[in-house]
Amino acid sequence: MNPTKLSEKIQTYLKIKGLKITPENKLFIDAITQCLIVHLQTEAIVEVKTTGTANAQSGIGKIY
Protein backbone atom coordinates (compact mmCIF):
# COMPACT_ATOMS: atom_id res chain seq x y z
CA MET A 1 0.00 0.00 0.00
CA ASN A 2 1.41 3.29 -1.10
CA PRO A 3 -0.19 6.46 0.32
CA THR A 4 1.40 8.64 -2.37
CA LYS A 5 -0.14 6.62 -5.19
CA LEU A 6 -3.52 6.57 -3.43
CA SER A 7 -3.38 10.34 -2.90
CA GLU A 8 -2.56 10.88 -6.58
CA LYS A 9 -5.43 8.65 -7.68
CA ILE A 10 -7.88 10.49 -5.42
CA GLN A 11 -6.68 13.86 -6.70
CA THR A 12 -7.02 12.71 -10.30
CA TYR A 13 -10.55 11.46 -9.68
CA LEU A 14 -11.54 14.69 -7.92
CA LYS A 15 -10.12 16.76 -10.81
CA ILE A 16 -12.21 14.71 -13.24
CA LYS A 17 -15.25 15.52 -11.09
CA GLY A 18 -14.42 19.23 -11.31
CA LEU A 19 -12.74 19.90 -7.96
CA LYS A 20 -9.73 22.20 -7.97
CA ILE A 21 -6.77 20.81 -6.04
CA THR A 22 -5.54 23.65 -3.84
CA PRO A 23 -2.53 23.28 -1.54
CA GLU A 24 -4.95 22.88 1.38
CA ASN A 25 -6.97 20.19 -0.43
CA LYS A 26 -3.76 18.34 -1.28
CA LEU A 27 -2.61 18.40 2.35
CA PHE A 28 -6.04 17.14 3.46
CA ILE A 29 -6.02 14.31 0.89
CA ASP A 30 -2.45 13.36 1.84
CA ALA A 31 -3.36 13.23 5.54
CA ILE A 32 -6.47 11.13 4.95
CA THR A 33 -4.62 8.64 2.74
CA GLN A 34 -1.79 8.29 5.28
CA CYS A 35 -4.27 7.67 8.11
CA LEU A 36 -6.35 5.25 6.05
CA ILE A 37 -3.38 3.11 5.07
CA VAL A 38 -1.88 3.08 8.57
CA HIS A 39 -5.29 2.12 9.96
CA LEU A 40 -5.69 -0.74 7.48
CA GLN A 41 -2.15 -1.99 8.13
CA THR A 42 -2.47 -1.92 11.92
CA GLU A 43 -6.15 -2.50 12.69
CA ALA A 44 -7.63 -4.57 9.88
CA ILE A 45 -8.36 -8.25 10.37
CA VAL A 46 -7.70 -10.37 7.32
CA GLU A 47 -9.56 -13.66 7.06
CA VAL A 48 -8.41 -16.10 4.38
CA LYS A 49 -10.20 -19.34 3.54
CA THR A 50 -8.36 -21.78 1.29
CA THR A 51 -9.30 -24.99 -0.44
CA GLY A 52 -7.28 -27.56 -2.31
CA THR A 53 -4.12 -29.52 -1.72
CA ALA A 54 -0.72 -28.38 -0.49
CA ASN A 55 0.45 -28.01 -4.09
CA ALA A 56 -2.69 -26.45 -5.58
CA GLN A 57 -4.61 -24.08 -3.35
CA SER A 58 -7.07 -21.33 -4.04
CA GLY A 59 -8.69 -19.01 -1.58
CA ILE A 60 -10.78 -15.99 -0.77
CA GLY A 61 -9.69 -13.19 1.52
CA LYS A 62 -11.83 -10.70 3.42
CA ILE A 63 -10.65 -7.58 5.20
CA TYR A 64 -12.63 -6.43 8.24
PDB file of N, CA and C in Angstrom:
ATOM      1  N   MET A   1       0.847  -1.179   0.000  1.00  0.00           N
ATOM      2  CA  MET A   1       0.000   0.000   0.000  1.00  0.00           C
ATOM      3  C   MET A   1       0.889   1.238   0.000  1.00  0.00           C
ATOM      4  N   ASN A   2       0.603   2.094  -0.931  1.00  0.00           N
ATOM      5  CA  ASN A   2       1.413   3.289  -1.103  1.00  0.00           C
ATOM      6  C   ASN A   2       0.521   4.527  -0.967  1.00  0.00           C
ATOM      7  N   PRO A   3       0.682   5.292   0.124  1.00  0.00           N
ATOM      8  CA  PRO A   3      -0.186   6.457   0.318  1.00  0.00           C
ATOM      9  C   PRO A   3      -0.015   7.526  -0.754  1.00  0.00           C
ATOM     10  N   THR A   4       1.180   7.643  -1.316  1.00  0.00           N
ATOM     11  CA  THR A   4       1.402   8.640  -2.365  1.00  0.00           C
ATOM     12  C   THR A   4       0.595   8.302  -3.613  1.00  0.00           C
ATOM     13  N   LYS A   5       0.629   7.033  -4.016  1.00  0.00           N
ATOM     14  CA  LYS A   5      -0.142   6.615  -5.193  1.00  0.00           C
ATOM     15  C   LYS A   5      -1.635   6.781  -4.949  1.00  0.00           C
ATOM     16  N   LEU A   6      -2.099   6.416  -3.754  1.00  0.00           N
ATOM     17  CA  LEU A   6      -3.522   6.567  -3.434  1.00  0.00           C
ATOM     18  C   LEU A   6      -3.919   8.037  -3.468  1.00  0.00           C
ATOM     19  N   SER A   7      -3.098   8.900  -2.892  1.00  0.00           N
ATOM     20  CA  SER A   7      -3.383  10.335  -2.902  1.00  0.00           C
ATOM     21  C   SER A   7      -3.470  10.867  -4.325  1.00  0.00           C
ATOM     22  N   GLU A   8      -2.541  10.435  -5.180  1.00  0.00           N
ATOM     23  CA  GLU A   8      -2.558  10.882  -6.578  1.00  0.00           C
ATOM     24  C   GLU A   8      -3.810  10.404  -7.302  1.00  0.00           C
ATOM     25  N   LYS A   9      -4.219   9.168  -7.047  1.00  0.00           N
ATOM     26  CA  LYS A   9      -5.430   8.645  -7.684  1.00  0.00           C
ATOM     27  C   LYS A   9      -6.662   9.414  -7.228  1.00  0.00           C
ATOM     28  N   ILE A  10      -6.736   9.724  -5.941  1.00  0.00           N
ATOM     29  CA  ILE A  10      -7.876  10.488  -5.419  1.00  0.00           C
ATOM     30  C   ILE A  10      -7.897  11.881  -6.041  1.00  0.00           C
ATOM     31  N   GLN A  11      -6.739  12.526  -6.104  1.00  0.00           N
ATOM     32  CA  GLN A  11      -6.678  13.863  -6.696  1.00  0.00           C
ATOM     33  C   GLN A  11      -7.092  13.840  -8.163  1.00  0.00           C
ATOM     34  N   THR A  12      -6.638  12.837  -8.896  1.00  0.00           N
ATOM     35  CA  THR A  12      -7.016  12.713 -10.304  1.00  0.00           C
ATOM     36  C   THR A  12      -8.522  12.548 -10.439  1.00  0.00           C
ATOM     37  N   TYR A  13      -9.106  11.688  -9.619  1.00  0.00           N
ATOM     38  CA  TYR A  13     -10.550  11.459  -9.675  1.00  0.00           C
ATOM     39  C   TYR A  13     -11.315  12.739  -9.333  1.00  0.00           C
ATOM     40  N   LEU A  14     -10.861  13.449  -8.312  1.00  0.00           N
ATOM     41  CA  LEU A  14     -11.541  14.687  -7.924  1.00  0.00           C
ATOM     42  C   LEU A  14     -11.429  15.756  -9.012  1.00  0.00           C
ATOM     43  N   LYS A  15     -10.273  15.815  -9.693  1.00  0.00           N
ATOM     44  CA  LYS A  15     -10.121  16.761 -10.809  1.00  0.00           C
ATOM     45  C   LYS A  15     -11.102  16.429 -11.925  1.00  0.00           C
ATOM     46  N   ILE A  16     -11.258  15.128 -12.214  1.00  0.00           N
ATOM     47  CA  ILE A  16     -12.214  14.705 -13.240  1.00  0.00           C
ATOM     48  C   ILE A  16     -13.622  15.152 -12.863  1.00  0.00           C
ATOM     49  N   LYS A  17     -13.927  15.119 -11.569  1.00  0.00           N
ATOM     50  CA  LYS A  17     -15.249  15.523 -11.093  1.00  0.00           C
ATOM     51  C   LYS A  17     -15.397  17.037 -10.978  1.00  0.00           C
ATOM     52  N   GLY A  18     -14.326  17.780 -11.283  1.00  0.00           N
ATOM     53  CA  GLY A  18     -14.425  19.232 -11.307  1.00  0.00           C
ATOM     54  C   GLY A  18     -13.869  19.957 -10.098  1.00  0.00           C
ATOM     55  N   LEU A  19     -13.292  19.250  -9.143  1.00  0.00           N
ATOM     56  CA  LEU A  19     -12.738  19.900  -7.957  1.00  0.00           C
ATOM     57  C   LEU A  19     -11.341  20.429  -8.262  1.00  0.00           C
ATOM     58  N   LYS A  20     -11.065  21.644  -7.824  1.00  0.00           N
ATOM     59  CA  LYS A  20      -9.725  22.196  -7.967  1.00  0.00           C
ATOM     60  C   LYS A  20      -8.876  21.715  -6.792  1.00  0.00           C
ATOM     61  N   ILE A  21      -7.663  21.289  -7.095  1.00  0.00           N
ATOM     62  CA  ILE A  21      -6.774  20.809  -6.044  1.00  0.00           C
ATOM     63  C   ILE A  21      -5.913  21.982  -5.573  1.00  0.00           C
ATOM     64  N   THR A  22      -6.295  22.555  -4.454  1.00  0.00           N
ATOM     65  CA  THR A  22      -5.541  23.645  -3.841  1.00  0.00           C
ATOM     66  C   THR A  22      -4.485  23.033  -2.920  1.00  0.00           C
ATOM     67  N   PRO A  23      -3.513  23.828  -2.486  1.00  0.00           N
ATOM     68  CA  PRO A  23      -2.528  23.284  -1.537  1.00  0.00           C
ATOM     69  C   PRO A  23      -3.194  22.712  -0.275  1.00  0.00           C
ATOM     70  N   GLU A  24      -4.253  23.370   0.194  1.00  0.00           N
ATOM     71  CA  GLU A  24      -4.953  22.884   1.384  1.00  0.00           C
ATOM     72  C   GLU A  24      -5.656  21.556   1.110  1.00  0.00           C
ATOM     73  N   ASN A  25      -6.306  21.451  -0.067  1.00  0.00           N
ATOM     74  CA  ASN A  25      -6.965  20.191  -0.431  1.00  0.00           C
ATOM     75  C   ASN A  25      -5.947  19.062  -0.532  1.00  0.00           C
ATOM     76  N   LYS A  26      -4.789  19.357  -1.129  1.00  0.00           N
ATOM     77  CA  LYS A  26      -3.756  18.336  -1.281  1.00  0.00           C
ATOM     78  C   LYS A  26      -3.277  17.859   0.087  1.00  0.00           C
ATOM     79  N   LEU A  27      -3.036  18.786   1.005  1.00  0.00           N
ATOM     80  CA  LEU A  27      -2.611  18.404   2.354  1.00  0.00           C
ATOM     81  C   LEU A  27      -3.670  17.546   3.041  1.00  0.00           C
ATOM     82  N   PHE A  28      -4.939  17.909   2.873  1.00  0.00           N
ATOM     83  CA  PHE A  28      -6.037  17.140   3.461  1.00  0.00           C
ATOM     84  C   PHE A  28      -6.076  15.729   2.879  1.00  0.00           C
ATOM     85  N   ILE A  29      -5.993  15.619   1.552  1.00  0.00           N
ATOM     86  CA  ILE A  29      -6.024  14.310   0.893  1.00  0.00           C
ATOM     87  C   ILE A  29      -4.831  13.472   1.335  1.00  0.00           C
ATOM     88  N   ASP A  30      -3.641  14.082   1.402  1.00  0.00           N
ATOM     89  CA  ASP A  30      -2.448  13.358   1.842  1.00  0.00           C
ATOM     90  C   ASP A  30      -2.618  12.831   3.269  1.00  0.00           C
ATOM     91  N   ALA A  31      -3.161  13.659   4.155  1.00  0.00           N
ATOM     92  CA  ALA A  31      -3.356  13.235   5.544  1.00  0.00           C
ATOM     93  C   ALA A  31      -4.354  12.089   5.642  1.00  0.00           C
ATOM     94  N   ILE A  32      -5.456  12.188   4.918  1.00  0.00           N
ATOM     95  CA  ILE A  32      -6.471  11.129   4.946  1.00  0.00           C
ATOM     96  C   ILE A  32      -5.908   9.821   4.410  1.00  0.00           C
ATOM     97  N   THR A  33      -5.164   9.878   3.308  1.00  0.00           N
ATOM     98  CA  THR A  33      -4.623   8.637   2.742  1.00  0.00           C
ATOM     99  C   THR A  33      -3.596   8.014   3.678  1.00  0.00           C
ATOM    100  N   GLN A  34      -2.762   8.821   4.311  1.00  0.00           N
ATOM    101  CA  GLN A  34      -1.793   8.292   5.277  1.00  0.00           C
ATOM    102  C   GLN A  34      -2.517   7.588   6.419  1.00  0.00           C
ATOM    103  N   CYS A  35      -3.517   8.255   6.992  1.00  0.00           N
ATOM    104  CA  CYS A  35      -4.265   7.671   8.113  1.00  0.00           C
ATOM    105  C   CYS A  35      -5.004   6.406   7.700  1.00  0.00           C
ATOM    106  N   LEU A  36      -5.605   6.413   6.532  1.00  0.00           N
ATOM    107  CA  LEU A  36      -6.345   5.252   6.053  1.00  0.00           C
ATOM    108  C   LEU A  36      -5.431   4.042   5.906  1.00  0.00           C
ATOM    109  N   ILE A  37      -4.289   4.233   5.291  1.00  0.00           N
ATOM    110  CA  ILE A  37      -3.383   3.109   5.073  1.00  0.00           C
ATOM    111  C   ILE A  37      -2.792   2.614   6.387  1.00  0.00           C
ATOM    112  N   VAL A  38      -2.396   3.513   7.267  1.00  0.00           N
ATOM    113  CA  VAL A  38      -1.884   3.085   8.570  1.00  0.00           C
ATOM    114  C   VAL A  38      -2.960   2.319   9.326  1.00  0.00           C
ATOM    115  N   HIS A  39      -4.186   2.803   9.286  1.00  0.00           N
ATOM    116  CA  HIS A  39      -5.290   2.120   9.964  1.00  0.00           C
ATOM    117  C   HIS A  39      -5.487   0.712   9.402  1.00  0.00           C
ATOM    118  N   LEU A  40      -5.513   0.585   8.089  1.00  0.00           N
ATOM    119  CA  LEU A  40      -5.687  -0.736   7.479  1.00  0.00           C
ATOM    120  C   LEU A  40      -4.534  -1.670   7.832  1.00  0.00           C
ATOM    121  N   GLN A  41      -3.311  -1.155   7.842  1.00  0.00           N
ATOM    122  CA  GLN A  41      -2.153  -1.994   8.131  1.00  0.00           C
ATOM    123  C   GLN A  41      -2.101  -2.428   9.589  1.00  0.00           C
ATOM    124  N   THR A  42      -2.608  -1.607  10.497  1.00  0.00           N
ATOM    125  CA  THR A  42      -2.474  -1.923  11.920  1.00  0.00           C
ATOM    126  C   THR A  42      -3.739  -2.467  12.562  1.00  0.00           C
ATOM    127  N   GLU A  43      -4.903  -2.144  12.029  1.00  0.00           N
ATOM    128  CA  GLU A  43      -6.154  -2.504  12.688  1.00  0.00           C
ATOM    129  C   GLU A  43      -7.012  -3.517  11.943  1.00  0.00           C
ATOM    130  N   ALA A  44      -6.768  -3.691  10.668  1.00  0.00           N
ATOM    131  CA  ALA A  44      -7.630  -4.572   9.877  1.00  0.00           C
ATOM    132  C   ALA A  44      -7.388  -6.038  10.235  1.00  0.00           C
ATOM    133  N   ILE A  45      -8.437  -6.803  10.190  1.00  0.00           N
ATOM    134  CA  ILE A  45      -8.362  -8.247  10.374  1.00  0.00           C
ATOM    135  C   ILE A  45      -8.562  -8.867   9.000  1.00  0.00           C
ATOM    136  N   VAL A  46      -7.618  -9.716   8.615  1.00  0.00           N
ATOM    137  CA  VAL A  46      -7.696 -10.374   7.317  1.00  0.00           C
ATOM    138  C   VAL A  46      -8.036 -11.839   7.552  1.00  0.00           C
ATOM    139  N   GLU A  47      -9.120 -12.266   6.955  1.00  0.00           N
ATOM    140  CA  GLU A  47      -9.558 -13.659   7.062  1.00  0.00           C
ATOM    141  C   GLU A  47      -9.386 -14.301   5.691  1.00  0.00           C
ATOM    142  N   VAL A  48      -8.646 -15.407   5.650  1.00  0.00           N
ATOM    143  CA  VAL A  48      -8.411 -16.099   4.384  1.00  0.00           C
ATOM    144  C   VAL A  48      -8.890 -17.538   4.517  1.00  0.00           C
ATOM    145  N   LYS A  49      -9.727 -17.961   3.591  1.00  0.00           N
ATOM    146  CA  LYS A  49     -10.196 -19.343   3.535  1.00  0.00           C
ATOM    147  C   LYS A  49      -9.626 -19.966   2.271  1.00  0.00           C
ATOM    148  N   THR A  50      -8.963 -21.113   2.442  1.00  0.00           N
ATOM    149  CA  THR A  50      -8.362 -21.777   1.288  1.00  0.00           C
ATOM    150  C   THR A  50      -8.951 -23.167   1.109  1.00  0.00           C
ATOM    151  N   THR A  51      -8.886 -23.628  -0.112  1.00  0.00           N
ATOM    152  CA  THR A  51      -9.302 -24.991  -0.438  1.00  0.00           C
ATOM    153  C   THR A  51      -8.254 -25.590  -1.360  1.00  0.00           C
ATOM    154  N   GLY A  52      -8.207 -26.892  -1.415  1.00  0.00           N
ATOM    155  CA  GLY A  52      -7.282 -27.565  -2.314  1.00  0.00           C
ATOM    156  C   GLY A  52      -6.228 -28.341  -1.565  1.00  0.00           C
ATOM    157  N   THR A  53      -5.217 -28.740  -2.290  1.00  0.00           N
ATOM    158  CA  THR A  53      -4.122 -29.518  -1.718  1.00  0.00           C
ATOM    159  C   THR A  53      -2.946 -28.603  -1.418  1.00  0.00           C
ATOM    160  N   ALA A  54      -1.907 -29.172  -0.819  1.00  0.00           N
ATOM    161  CA  ALA A  54      -0.721 -28.376  -0.487  1.00  0.00           C
ATOM    162  C   ALA A  54      -0.064 -27.792  -1.736  1.00  0.00           C
ATOM    163  N   ASN A  55      -0.185 -28.480  -2.854  1.00  0.00           N
ATOM    164  CA  ASN A  55       0.448 -28.014  -4.093  1.00  0.00           C
ATOM    165  C   ASN A  55      -0.460 -27.160  -4.969  1.00  0.00           C
ATOM    166  N   ALA A  56      -1.743 -27.187  -4.729  1.00  0.00           N
ATOM    167  CA  ALA A  56      -2.687 -26.445  -5.580  1.00  0.00           C
ATOM    168  C   ALA A  56      -3.814 -25.891  -4.724  1.00  0.00           C
ATOM    169  N   GLN A  57      -3.599 -24.692  -4.199  1.00  0.00           N
ATOM    170  CA  GLN A  57      -4.612 -24.079  -3.348  1.00  0.00           C
ATOM    171  C   GLN A  57      -5.196 -22.846  -4.012  1.00  0.00           C
ATOM    172  N   SER A  58      -6.437 -22.589  -3.668  1.00  0.00           N
ATOM    173  CA  SER A  58      -7.070 -21.331  -4.042  1.00  0.00           C
ATOM    174  C   SER A  58      -7.780 -20.828  -2.804  1.00  0.00           C
ATOM    175  N   GLY A  59      -8.064 -19.547  -2.776  1.00  0.00           N
ATOM    176  CA  GLY A  59      -8.693 -19.015  -1.583  1.00  0.00           C
ATOM    177  C   GLY A  59      -9.364 -17.681  -1.815  1.00  0.00           C
ATOM    178  N   ILE A  60     -10.071 -17.271  -0.777  1.00  0.00           N
ATOM    179  CA  ILE A  60     -10.778 -15.995  -0.774  1.00  0.00           C
ATOM    180  C   ILE A  60     -10.375 -15.262   0.500  1.00  0.00           C
ATOM    181  N   GLY A  61     -10.047 -13.990   0.361  1.00  0.00           N
ATOM    182  CA  GLY A  61      -9.687 -13.189   1.516  1.00  0.00           C
ATOM    183  C   GLY A  61     -10.697 -12.085   1.757  1.00  0.00           C
ATOM    184  N   LYS A  62     -10.946 -11.804   3.033  1.00  0.00           N
ATOM    185  CA  LYS A  62     -11.828 -10.697   3.418  1.00  0.00           C
ATOM    186  C   LYS A  62     -11.074  -9.814   4.403  1.00  0.00           C
ATOM    187  N   ILE A  63     -11.257  -8.527   4.272  1.00  0.00           N
ATOM    188  CA  ILE A  63     -10.654  -7.577   5.199  1.00  0.00           C
ATOM    189  C   ILE A  63     -11.776  -6.954   6.016  1.00  0.00           C
ATOM    190  N   TYR A  64     -11.631  -7.013   7.338  1.00  0.00           N
ATOM    191  CA  TYR A  64     -12.629  -6.431   8.244  1.00  0.00           C
ATOM    192  C   TYR A  64     -12.033  -5.251   8.959  1.00  0.00           C
TER     193      TYR A  64
END
